Amino acid sequence: MLTKRATRLRTPADLRARLSSSAADARAWRALTPSARRIAAHWIDGARQPDVRNWRIADVLRRAHRYQRGDGPFYPSDQEQHLLSRRGAARRGR
């Protein structure tokens, strides 16, 4: 019988810094499922420009707070999908 070995989540350093500076953000992050944290960390880590990384961290934590409060899902809603594209970022004034 094969077993899958759990891998430890690699949390980006800038996200770790944000979580260590805010207890509320850390609680919201811990409220996410391990798979949601893994996906979010991977998405944040994929951004190379500091402003994009910072925006992704803020967006992930905003959605984590929403999930923690029970106000909606962690994943982006249909209304938020346009914010995740570069075109949506241009409309936000980036």
Protein backbone atom coordinates (compact mmCIF):
# COMPACT_ATOMS: atom_id res chain seq x y z
CA MET A 1 0.00 0.00 0.00
CA LEU A 2 1.38 3.37 -1.01
CA THR A 3 0.98 6.31 1.30
CA LYS A 4 1.31 9.91 0.34
CA ARG A 5 3.88 11.75 2.38
CA ALA A 6 2.72 15.12 3.64
CA THR A 7 4.94 17.95 2.55
CA ARG A 8 5.47 20.96 4.71
CA LEU A 9 3.97 24.18 3.39
CA ARG A 10 6.55 26.71 2.25
CA THR A 11 5.12 30.07 3.29
CA PRO A 12 6.68 33.03 1.43
CA ALA A 13 8.80 35.25 3.70
CA ASP A 14 6.76 38.39 3.02
CA LEU A 15 3.55 36.56 3.91
CA ARG A 16 5.18 35.22 7.11
CA ALA A 17 6.17 38.79 8.02
CA ARG A 18 2.61 40.01 7.49
CA LEU A 19 1.20 37.15 9.57
CA SER A 20 3.65 37.77 12.41
CA SER A 21 2.72 41.46 12.51
CA SER A 22 -1.05 40.87 12.74
CA ALA A 23 -2.69 38.36 15.05
CA ALA A 24 -6.01 38.76 13.19
CA ASP A 25 -4.36 37.96 9.85
CA ALA A 26 -2.59 34.95 11.40
CA ARG A 27 -5.90 33.61 12.80
CA ALA A 28 -7.62 34.05 9.43
CA TRP A 29 -4.72 32.28 7.66
CA ARG A 30 -4.85 29.36 10.13
CA ALA A 31 -8.63 29.08 9.59
CA LEU A 32 -8.03 28.09 5.96
CA THR A 33 -7.75 24.47 4.97
CA PRO A 34 -4.22 23.17 4.31
CA SER A 35 -4.97 22.91 0.59
CA ALA A 36 -6.25 26.51 0.48
CA ARG A 37 -3.09 27.71 2.26
CA ARG A 38 -0.93 25.73 -0.18
CA ILE A 39 -2.71 27.17 -3.23
CA ALA A 40 -2.56 30.72 -1.82
CA ALA A 41 1.13 30.45 -0.92
CA HIS A 42 1.92 29.14 -4.41
CA TRP A 43 -0.06 32.00 -6.02
CA ILE A 44 1.73 34.62 -3.90
CA ASP A 45 5.12 33.03 -4.56
CA GLY A 46 4.48 33.16 -8.31
CA ALA A 47 4.51 36.97 -8.32
CA ARG A 48 7.96 38.45 -8.87
CA GLN A 49 7.22 42.17 -8.63
CA PRO A 50 6.94 43.44 -5.04
CA ASP A 51 3.77 45.43 -5.70
CA VAL A 52 2.07 42.39 -7.22
CA ARG A 53 3.17 40.20 -4.31
CA ASN A 54 1.87 42.76 -1.81
CA TRP A 55 -1.46 42.97 -3.63
CA ARG A 56 -1.76 39.18 -3.70
CA ILE A 57 -0.99 38.93 0.02
CA ALA A 58 -3.63 41.56 0.80
CA ASP A 59 -6.16 39.82 -1.47
CA VAL A 60 -5.52 36.38 0.04
CA LEU A 61 -5.86 37.73 3.58
CA ARG A 62 -9.03 39.66 2.69
CA ARG A 63 -10.58 36.46 1.37
CA ALA A 64 -9.27 34.47 4.38
CA HIS A 65 -11.02 36.91 6.73
CA ARG A 66 -14.23 36.55 4.71
CA TYR A 67 -13.97 32.76 4.95
CA GLN A 68 -13.21 32.88 8.69
CA ARG A 69 -16.28 35.08 9.36
CA GLY A 70 -18.45 32.73 7.31
CA ASP A 71 -19.36 35.52 4.89
CA GLY A 72 -18.37 33.60 1.79
CA PRO A 73 -15.88 31.23 0.24
CA PHE A 74 -12.12 31.61 0.30
CA TYR A 75 -11.88 31.24 -3.44
CA PRO A 76 -12.61 34.35 -5.54
CA SER A 77 -16.29 34.89 -6.26
CA ASP A 78 -17.59 35.42 -9.79
CA GLN A 79 -17.70 39.16 -9.12
CA GLU A 80 -14.01 39.15 -8.15
CA GLN A 81 -12.64 37.20 -11.11
CA HIS A 82 -11.91 40.33 -13.15
CA LEU A 83 -9.63 41.62 -10.37
CA LEU A 84 -7.29 38.68 -10.79
CA SER A 85 -6.32 39.42 -14.38
CA ARG A 86 -3.75 41.93 -15.57
CA ARG A 87 -6.51 43.74 -17.42
CA GLY A 88 -8.45 44.00 -14.17
CA ALA A 89 -5.33 45.35 -12.47
CA ALA A 90 -5.08 48.06 -15.11
CA ARG A 91 -8.69 49.05 -14.40
CA ARG A 92 -7.84 49.31 -10.70
CA GLY A 93 -5.30 51.98 -11.58
CA ARG A 94 -2.12 49.94 -11.27
